[in-house]
PDB file of all heavy atoms in Angstrom:
ATOM      1  N   ARG A   1      11.359   1.889   6.466  1.00  0.00           N
ATOM      2  CA  ARG A   1      12.689   1.413   6.128  1.00  0.00           C
ATOM      3  C   ARG A   1      13.437   0.760   7.265  1.00  0.00           C
ATOM      4  O   ARG A   1      14.296  -0.007   7.020  1.00  0.00           O
ATOM      5  CB  ARG A   1      13.590   2.507   5.476  1.00  0.00           C
ATOM      6  CG  ARG A   1      13.169   2.966   4.071  1.00  0.00           C
ATOM      7  CD  ARG A   1      14.179   3.803   3.327  1.00  0.00           C
ATOM      8  NE  ARG A   1      13.775   4.107   2.022  1.00  0.00           N
ATOM      9  CZ  ARG A   1      13.324   5.148   1.563  1.00  0.00           C
ATOM     10  NH1 ARG A   1      13.003   6.308   2.351  1.00  0.00           N
ATOM     11  NH2 ARG A   1      12.818   5.384   0.341  1.00  0.00           N
ATOM     12  N   GLY A   2      12.948   0.929   8.424  1.00  0.00           N
ATOM     13  CA  GLY A   2      13.544   0.322   9.587  1.00  0.00           C
ATOM     14  C   GLY A   2      12.894  -1.033   9.888  1.00  0.00           C
ATOM     15  O   GLY A   2      13.332  -1.791  10.787  1.00  0.00           O
ATOM     16  N   ARG A   3      11.798  -1.325   9.032  1.00  0.00           N
ATOM     17  CA  ARG A   3      11.203  -2.625   9.295  1.00  0.00           C
ATOM     18  C   ARG A   3      10.773  -3.309   7.925  1.00  0.00           C
ATOM     19  O   ARG A   3       9.687  -3.221   7.577  1.00  0.00           O
ATOM     20  CB  ARG A   3      10.020  -2.422  10.193  1.00  0.00           C
ATOM     21  CG  ARG A   3       9.385  -3.714  10.803  1.00  0.00           C
ATOM     22  CD  ARG A   3       8.076  -3.535  11.636  1.00  0.00           C
ATOM     23  NE  ARG A   3       8.501  -2.658  12.803  1.00  0.00           N
ATOM     24  CZ  ARG A   3       7.441  -2.354  13.679  1.00  0.00           C
ATOM     25  NH1 ARG A   3       6.223  -2.775  13.533  1.00  0.00           N
ATOM     26  NH2 ARG A   3       7.800  -1.766  14.780  1.00  0.00           N
ATOM     27  N   PRO A   4      11.751  -3.899   7.321  1.00  0.00           N
ATOM     28  CA  PRO A   4      11.472  -4.533   5.877  1.00  0.00           C
ATOM     29  C   PRO A   4      10.341  -5.569   6.089  1.00  0.00           C
ATOM     30  O   PRO A   4      10.266  -6.287   7.006  1.00  0.00           O
ATOM     31  CB  PRO A   4      12.766  -5.140   5.626  1.00  0.00           C
ATOM     32  CG  PRO A   4      13.757  -4.423   6.451  1.00  0.00           C
ATOM     33  CD  PRO A   4      13.153  -3.990   7.587  1.00  0.00           C
ATOM     34  N   GLY A   5       9.391  -5.575   5.090  1.00  0.00           N
ATOM     35  CA  GLY A   5       8.322  -6.510   4.973  1.00  0.00           C
ATOM     36  C   GLY A   5       7.178  -6.095   5.957  1.00  0.00           C
ATOM     37  O   GLY A   5       6.246  -6.867   6.245  1.00  0.00           O
ATOM     38  N   ALA A   6       7.229  -4.840   6.504  1.00  0.00           N
ATOM     39  CA  ALA A   6       6.115  -4.401   7.297  1.00  0.00           C
ATOM     40  C   ALA A   6       4.704  -4.463   6.592  1.00  0.00           C
ATOM     41  O   ALA A   6       4.719  -4.180   5.422  1.00  0.00           O
ATOM     42  CB  ALA A   6       6.309  -3.021   7.765  1.00  0.00           C
ATOM     43  N   GLY A   7       3.641  -4.692   7.338  1.00  0.00           N
ATOM     44  CA  GLY A   7       2.369  -4.720   6.577  1.00  0.00           C
ATOM     45  C   GLY A   7       1.643  -3.393   6.646  1.00  0.00           C
ATOM     46  O   GLY A   7       1.584  -2.879   7.717  1.00  0.00           O
ATOM     47  N   VAL A   8       1.101  -2.950   5.584  1.00  0.00           N
ATOM     48  CA  VAL A   8       0.556  -1.660   5.532  1.00  0.00           C
ATOM     49  C   VAL A   8      -0.894  -1.899   4.808  1.00  0.00           C
ATOM     50  O   VAL A   8      -1.018  -2.532   3.989  1.00  0.00           O
ATOM     51  CB  VAL A   8       1.291  -0.592   4.704  1.00  0.00           C
ATOM     52  CG1 VAL A   8       0.393   0.679   4.527  1.00  0.00           C
ATOM     53  CG2 VAL A   8       2.552  -0.246   5.378  1.00  0.00           C
ATOM     54  N   LEU A   9      -1.938  -1.331   5.576  1.00  0.00           N
ATOM     55  CA  LEU A   9      -3.239  -1.316   4.931  1.00  0.00           C
ATOM     56  C   LEU A   9      -3.663   0.083   4.450  1.00  0.00           C
ATOM     57  O   LEU A   9      -3.643   1.094   5.206  1.00  0.00           O
ATOM     58  CB  LEU A   9      -4.220  -1.702   6.091  1.00  0.00           C
ATOM     59  CG  LEU A   9      -5.815  -1.744   5.694  1.00  0.00           C
ATOM     60  CD1 LEU A   9      -6.133  -2.646   4.669  1.00  0.00           C
ATOM     61  CD2 LEU A   9      -6.654  -2.103   6.962  1.00  0.00           C
ATOM     62  N   ASN A  10      -3.987   0.118   3.305  1.00  0.00           N
ATOM     63  CA  ASN A  10      -4.342   1.394   2.586  1.00  0.00           C
ATOM     64  C   ASN A  10      -5.919   1.353   2.203  1.00  0.00           C
ATOM     65  O   ASN A  10      -6.205   0.627   1.246  1.00  0.00           O
ATOM     66  CB  ASN A  10      -3.535   1.554   1.362  1.00  0.00           C
ATOM     67  CG  ASN A  10      -3.800   3.095   0.881  1.00  0.00           C
ATOM     68  OD1 ASN A  10      -4.454   3.856   1.316  1.00  0.00           O
ATOM     69  ND2 ASN A  10      -3.023   3.317  -0.350  1.00  0.00           N
ATOM     70  N   LEU A  11      -6.747   2.072   2.943  1.00  0.00           N
ATOM     71  CA  LEU A  11      -8.268   2.008   2.658  1.00  0.00           C
ATOM     72  C   LEU A  11      -8.612   3.224   1.764  1.00  0.00           C
ATOM     73  O   LEU A  11      -8.058   4.313   2.016  1.00  0.00           O
ATOM     74  CB  LEU A  11      -8.982   2.071   3.942  1.00  0.00           C
ATOM     75  CG  LEU A  11      -8.726   0.958   4.885  1.00  0.00           C
ATOM     76  CD1 LEU A  11      -9.309   1.145   6.406  1.00  0.00           C
ATOM     77  CD2 LEU A  11      -9.127  -0.397   4.355  1.00  0.00           C
ATOM     78  N   PHE A  12      -9.601   2.974   0.970  1.00  0.00           N
ATOM     79  CA  PHE A  12      -9.976   3.981  -0.071  1.00  0.00           C
ATOM     80  C   PHE A  12      -8.816   4.280  -1.000  1.00  0.00           C
ATOM     81  O   PHE A  12      -8.406   5.495  -1.052  1.00  0.00           O
ATOM     82  CB  PHE A  12     -10.605   5.194   0.610  1.00  0.00           C
ATOM     83  CG  PHE A  12     -11.720   4.868   1.565  1.00  0.00           C
ATOM     84  CD1 PHE A  12     -11.542   4.762   2.832  1.00  0.00           C
ATOM     85  CD2 PHE A  12     -13.014   4.804   1.141  1.00  0.00           C
ATOM     86  CE1 PHE A  12     -12.544   4.531   3.733  1.00  0.00           C
ATOM     87  CE2 PHE A  12     -14.015   4.463   1.990  1.00  0.00           C
ATOM     88  CZ  PHE A  12     -13.908   4.407   3.259  1.00  0.00           C
ATOM     89  N   ALA A  13      -7.994   3.386  -1.368  1.00  0.00           N
ATOM     90  CA  ALA A  13      -6.680   3.501  -1.743  1.00  0.00           C
ATOM     91  C   ALA A  13      -6.595   4.166  -3.245  1.00  0.00           C
ATOM     92  O   ALA A  13      -5.599   4.577  -3.685  1.00  0.00           O
ATOM     93  CB  ALA A  13      -5.979   2.275  -1.762  1.00  0.00           C
ATOM     94  N   TYR A  14      -7.693   4.196  -4.043  1.00  0.00           N
ATOM     95  CA  TYR A  14      -7.840   4.605  -5.319  1.00  0.00           C
ATOM     96  C   TYR A  14      -6.767   4.216  -6.255  1.00  0.00           C
ATOM     97  O   TYR A  14      -6.529   3.090  -6.474  1.00  0.00           O
ATOM     98  CB  TYR A  14      -7.955   6.255  -5.132  1.00  0.00           C
ATOM     99  CG  TYR A  14      -8.579   6.929  -6.312  1.00  0.00           C
ATOM    100  CD1 TYR A  14      -9.742   6.466  -6.788  1.00  0.00           C
ATOM    101  CD2 TYR A  14      -7.906   7.890  -7.076  1.00  0.00           C
ATOM    102  CE1 TYR A  14     -10.368   7.083  -7.962  1.00  0.00           C
ATOM    103  CE2 TYR A  14      -8.451   8.477  -8.255  1.00  0.00           C
ATOM    104  CZ  TYR A  14      -9.685   7.962  -8.658  1.00  0.00           C
ATOM    105  OH  TYR A  14     -10.245   8.540  -9.782  1.00  0.00           O
ATOM    106  N   THR A  15      -5.872   5.072  -6.906  1.00  0.00           N
ATOM    107  CA  THR A  15      -4.942   4.846  -7.852  1.00  0.00           C
ATOM    108  C   THR A  15      -3.561   4.370  -7.211  1.00  0.00           C
ATOM    109  O   THR A  15      -2.666   4.148  -7.885  1.00  0.00           O
ATOM    110  CB  THR A  15      -4.803   5.820  -8.966  1.00  0.00           C
ATOM    111  OG1 THR A  15      -4.438   7.067  -8.253  1.00  0.00           O
ATOM    112  CG2 THR A  15      -6.076   5.988  -9.801  1.00  0.00           C
ATOM    113  N   GLY A  16      -3.427   4.284  -5.947  1.00  0.00           N
ATOM    114  CA  GLY A  16      -2.327   3.751  -5.343  1.00  0.00           C
ATOM    115  C   GLY A  16      -1.093   4.503  -5.147  1.00  0.00           C
ATOM    116  O   GLY A  16      -0.043   3.856  -5.019  1.00  0.00           O
ATOM    117  N   GLY A  17      -1.193   5.821  -4.980  1.00  0.00           N
ATOM    118  CA  GLY A  17       0.154   6.582  -4.762  1.00  0.00           C
ATOM    119  C   GLY A  17       0.719   6.253  -3.444  1.00  0.00           C
ATOM    120  O   GLY A  17       1.961   5.857  -3.489  1.00  0.00           O
ATOM    121  N   ALA A  18      -0.053   6.215  -2.319  1.00  0.00           N
ATOM    122  CA  ALA A  18       0.541   5.756  -1.080  1.00  0.00           C
ATOM    123  C   ALA A  18       0.920   4.347  -1.125  1.00  0.00           C
ATOM    124  O   ALA A  18       1.900   3.951  -0.462  1.00  0.00           O
ATOM    125  CB  ALA A  18      -0.494   6.161   0.095  1.00  0.00           C
ATOM    126  N   SER A  19       0.101   3.518  -1.745  1.00  0.00           N
ATOM    127  CA  SER A  19       0.558   1.992  -1.754  1.00  0.00           C
ATOM    128  C   SER A  19       1.789   1.927  -2.474  1.00  0.00           C
ATOM    129  O   SER A  19       2.783   1.075  -1.997  1.00  0.00           O
ATOM    130  CB  SER A  19      -0.554   1.216  -2.592  1.00  0.00           C
ATOM    131  OG  SER A  19      -1.780   1.333  -2.041  1.00  0.00           O
ATOM    132  N   LEU A  20       2.108   2.580  -3.516  1.00  0.00           N
ATOM    133  CA  LEU A  20       3.416   2.544  -4.206  1.00  0.00           C
ATOM    134  C   LEU A  20       4.532   3.054  -3.353  1.00  0.00           C
ATOM    135  O   LEU A  20       5.654   2.541  -3.304  1.00  0.00           O
ATOM    136  CB  LEU A  20       3.284   3.295  -5.583  1.00  0.00           C
ATOM    137  CG  LEU A  20       2.599   2.541  -6.741  1.00  0.00           C
ATOM    138  CD1 LEU A  20       2.394   3.473  -7.936  1.00  0.00           C
ATOM    139  CD2 LEU A  20       3.560   1.274  -7.172  1.00  0.00           C
ATOM    140  N   ALA A  21       4.239   4.196  -2.800  1.00  0.00           N
ATOM    141  CA  ALA A  21       5.420   4.750  -1.807  1.00  0.00           C
ATOM    142  C   ALA A  21       5.907   3.824  -0.794  1.00  0.00           C
ATOM    143  O   ALA A  21       6.937   3.637  -0.534  1.00  0.00           O
ATOM    144  CB  ALA A  21       4.831   6.104  -1.228  1.00  0.00           C
ATOM    145  N   CYS A  22       4.808   3.244  -0.104  1.00  0.00           N
ATOM    146  CA  CYS A  22       5.037   2.196   0.909  1.00  0.00           C
ATOM    147  C   CYS A  22       5.728   0.984   0.486  1.00  0.00           C
ATOM    148  O   CYS A  22       6.779   0.473   1.050  1.00  0.00           O
ATOM    149  CB  CYS A  22       3.812   1.829   1.696  1.00  0.00           C
ATOM    150  SG  CYS A  22       3.028   3.266   2.614  1.00  0.00           S
ATOM    151  N   ALA A  23       5.250   0.464  -0.716  1.00  0.00           N
ATOM    152  CA  ALA A  23       5.971  -0.778  -1.308  1.00  0.00           C
ATOM    153  C   ALA A  23       7.362  -0.419  -1.747  1.00  0.00           C
ATOM    154  O   ALA A  23       8.233  -1.237  -1.548  1.00  0.00           O
ATOM    155  CB  ALA A  23       5.082  -1.173  -2.484  1.00  0.00           C
ATOM    156  N   ALA A  24       7.647   0.930  -2.258  1.00  0.00           N
ATOM    157  CA  ALA A  24       8.967   1.194  -2.637  1.00  0.00           C
ATOM    158  C   ALA A  24       9.874   1.122  -1.405  1.00  0.00           C
ATOM    159  O   ALA A  24      11.097   1.030  -1.852  1.00  0.00           O
ATOM    160  CB  ALA A  24       8.913   2.627  -3.276  1.00  0.00           C
ATOM    161  N   ALA A  25       9.327   1.346  -0.169  1.00  0.00           N
ATOM    162  CA  ALA A  25      10.203   1.284   0.996  1.00  0.00           C
ATOM    163  C   ALA A  25      10.281  -0.089   1.625  1.00  0.00           C
ATOM    164  O   ALA A  25      10.778  -0.243   2.718  1.00  0.00           O
ATOM    165  CB  ALA A  25       9.647   2.251   2.002  1.00  0.00           C
ATOM    166  N   GLY A  26       9.785  -1.149   0.854  1.00  0.00           N
ATOM    167  CA  GLY A  26       9.892  -2.524   1.357  1.00  0.00           C
ATOM    168  C   GLY A  26       8.642  -3.057   1.913  1.00  0.00           C
ATOM    169  O   GLY A  26       8.650  -4.180   2.505  1.00  0.00           O
ATOM    170  N   ALA A  27       7.595  -2.307   2.106  1.00  0.00           N
ATOM    171  CA  ALA A  27       6.345  -2.795   2.787  1.00  0.00           C
ATOM    172  C   ALA A  27       5.616  -3.761   1.944  1.00  0.00           C
ATOM    173  O   ALA A  27       5.692  -3.821   0.736  1.00  0.00           O
ATOM    174  CB  ALA A  27       5.437  -1.653   3.139  1.00  0.00           C
ATOM    175  N   VAL A  28       4.689  -4.631   2.609  1.00  0.00           N
ATOM    176  CA  VAL A  28       3.680  -5.470   1.879  1.00  0.00           C
ATOM    177  C   VAL A  28       2.461  -4.820   2.181  1.00  0.00           C
ATOM    178  O   VAL A  28       1.961  -4.746   3.179  1.00  0.00           O
ATOM    179  CB  VAL A  28       3.771  -6.913   2.593  1.00  0.00           C
ATOM    180  CG1 VAL A  28       2.719  -7.716   1.950  1.00  0.00           C
ATOM    181  CG2 VAL A  28       5.064  -7.488   2.293  1.00  0.00           C
ATOM    182  N   VAL A  29       1.825  -4.392   1.007  1.00  0.00           N
ATOM    183  CA  VAL A  29       0.603  -3.403   1.130  1.00  0.00           C
ATOM    184  C   VAL A  29      -0.559  -4.129   0.639  1.00  0.00           C
ATOM    185  O   VAL A  29      -0.669  -4.881  -0.370  1.00  0.00           O
ATOM    186  CB  VAL A  29       0.872  -2.098   0.166  1.00  0.00           C
ATOM    187  CG1 VAL A  29      -0.342  -1.260   0.235  1.00  0.00           C
ATOM    188  CG2 VAL A  29       2.187  -1.495   0.519  1.00  0.00           C
ATOM    189  N   THR A  30      -1.700  -3.878   1.497  1.00  0.00           N
ATOM    190  CA  THR A  30      -3.000  -4.346   1.161  1.00  0.00           C
ATOM    191  C   THR A  30      -3.756  -3.118   0.775  1.00  0.00           C
ATOM    192  O   THR A  30      -4.090  -2.307   1.513  1.00  0.00           O
ATOM    193  CB  THR A  30      -3.652  -5.045   2.347  1.00  0.00           C
ATOM    194  OG1 THR A  30      -2.976  -6.210   2.825  1.00  0.00           O
ATOM    195  CG2 THR A  30      -5.093  -5.468   1.951  1.00  0.00           C
ATOM    196  N   HIS A  31      -4.009  -3.081  -0.504  1.00  0.00           N
ATOM    197  CA  HIS A  31      -4.630  -2.015  -1.233  1.00  0.00           C
ATOM    198  C   HIS A  31      -6.217  -2.174  -1.367  1.00  0.00           C
ATOM    199  O   HIS A  31      -6.533  -3.238  -2.182  1.00  0.00           O
ATOM    200  CB  HIS A  31      -3.943  -1.714  -2.621  1.00  0.00           C
ATOM    201  CG  HIS A  31      -4.684  -0.630  -3.447  1.00  0.00           C
ATOM    202  ND1 HIS A  31      -3.853   0.369  -3.784  1.00  0.00           N
ATOM    203  CD2 HIS A  31      -5.788  -0.691  -4.112  1.00  0.00           C
ATOM    204  CE1 HIS A  31      -4.611   1.089  -4.669  1.00  0.00           C
ATOM    205  NE2 HIS A  31      -5.791   0.458  -4.887  1.00  0.00           N
ATOM    206  N   VAL A  32      -7.171  -1.499  -0.594  1.00  0.00           N
ATOM    207  CA  VAL A  32      -8.470  -1.809  -0.639  1.00  0.00           C
ATOM    208  C   VAL A  32      -9.218  -0.521  -1.418  1.00  0.00           C
ATOM    209  O   VAL A  32      -9.150   0.629  -0.837  1.00  0.00           O
ATOM    210  CB  VAL A  32      -9.019  -2.035   0.779  1.00  0.00           C
ATOM    211  CG1 VAL A  32     -10.478  -2.273   0.792  1.00  0.00           C
ATOM    212  CG2 VAL A  32      -8.210  -3.133   1.401  1.00  0.00           C
ATOM    213  N   ASP A  33     -10.020  -0.809  -2.317  1.00  0.00           N
ATOM    214  CA  ASP A  33     -10.887   0.161  -2.913  1.00  0.00           C
ATOM    215  C   ASP A  33     -12.138  -0.641  -3.547  1.00  0.00           C
ATOM    216  O   ASP A  33     -11.920  -1.638  -4.055  1.00  0.00           O
ATOM    217  CB  ASP A  33     -10.202   1.018  -3.964  1.00  0.00           C
ATOM    218  CG  ASP A  33     -10.930   2.245  -4.240  1.00  0.00           C
ATOM    219  OD1 ASP A  33     -12.000   2.198  -4.994  1.00  0.00           O
ATOM    220  OD2 ASP A  33     -10.471   3.328  -3.950  1.00  0.00           O
ATOM    221  N   SER A  34     -13.211  -0.022  -3.354  1.00  0.00           N
ATOM    222  CA  SER A  34     -14.521  -0.756  -3.775  1.00  0.00           C
ATOM    223  C   SER A  34     -14.632  -0.769  -5.311  1.00  0.00           C
ATOM    224  O   SER A  34     -15.339  -1.670  -5.808  1.00  0.00           O
ATOM    225  CB  SER A  34     -15.706  -0.226  -3.229  1.00  0.00           C
ATOM    226  OG  SER A  34     -15.946   1.126  -3.622  1.00  0.00           O
ATOM    227  N   ALA A  35     -13.846   0.005  -6.060  1.00  0.00           N
ATOM    228  CA  ALA A  35     -13.957   0.165  -7.455  1.00  0.00           C
ATOM    229  C   ALA A  35     -12.991  -0.680  -8.207  1.00  0.00           C
ATOM    230  O   ALA A  35     -11.762  -0.433  -8.159  1.00  0.00           O
ATOM    231  CB  ALA A  35     -14.023   1.640  -7.980  1.00  0.00           C
ATOM    232  N   ARG A  36     -13.377  -1.825  -8.826  1.00  0.00           N
ATOM    233  CA  ARG A  36     -12.395  -2.697  -9.530  1.00  0.00           C
ATOM    234  C   ARG A  36     -11.571  -1.821 -10.661  1.00  0.00           C
ATOM    235  O   ARG A  36     -10.429  -2.118 -10.822  1.00  0.00           O
ATOM    236  CB  ARG A  36     -13.135  -3.774 -10.302  1.00  0.00           C
ATOM    237  CG  ARG A  36     -13.630  -4.726  -9.310  1.00  0.00           C
ATOM    238  CD  ARG A  36     -14.386  -5.879  -9.829  1.00  0.00           C
ATOM    239  NE  ARG A  36     -14.932  -6.807  -8.990  1.00  0.00           N
ATOM    240  CZ  ARG A  36     -14.294  -7.708  -8.239  1.00  0.00           C
ATOM    241  NH1 ARG A  36     -12.988  -8.038  -8.373  1.00  0.00           N
ATOM    242  NH2 ARG A  36     -14.960  -8.504  -7.406  1.00  0.00           N
ATOM    243  N   SER A  37     -12.206  -0.853 -11.242  1.00  0.00           N
ATOM    244  CA  SER A  37     -11.583  -0.086 -12.235  1.00  0.00           C
ATOM    245  C   SER A  37     -10.382   0.704 -11.757  1.00  0.00           C
ATOM    246  O   SER A  37      -9.341   0.658 -12.389  1.00  0.00           O
ATOM    247  CB  SER A  37     -12.558   0.778 -12.976  1.00  0.00           C
ATOM    248  OG  SER A  37     -13.126   1.748 -12.103  1.00  0.00           O
TER     249      SER A  37
END
């Protein structure tokens, strides 16, 4: 929250709980998982 637009890399991100938590705080998240599903 002290750095709006911060970039976050989430590896083995699965269904994206951490991705959503970071995006909710204003981050730009790169969510990486090998499974398209």
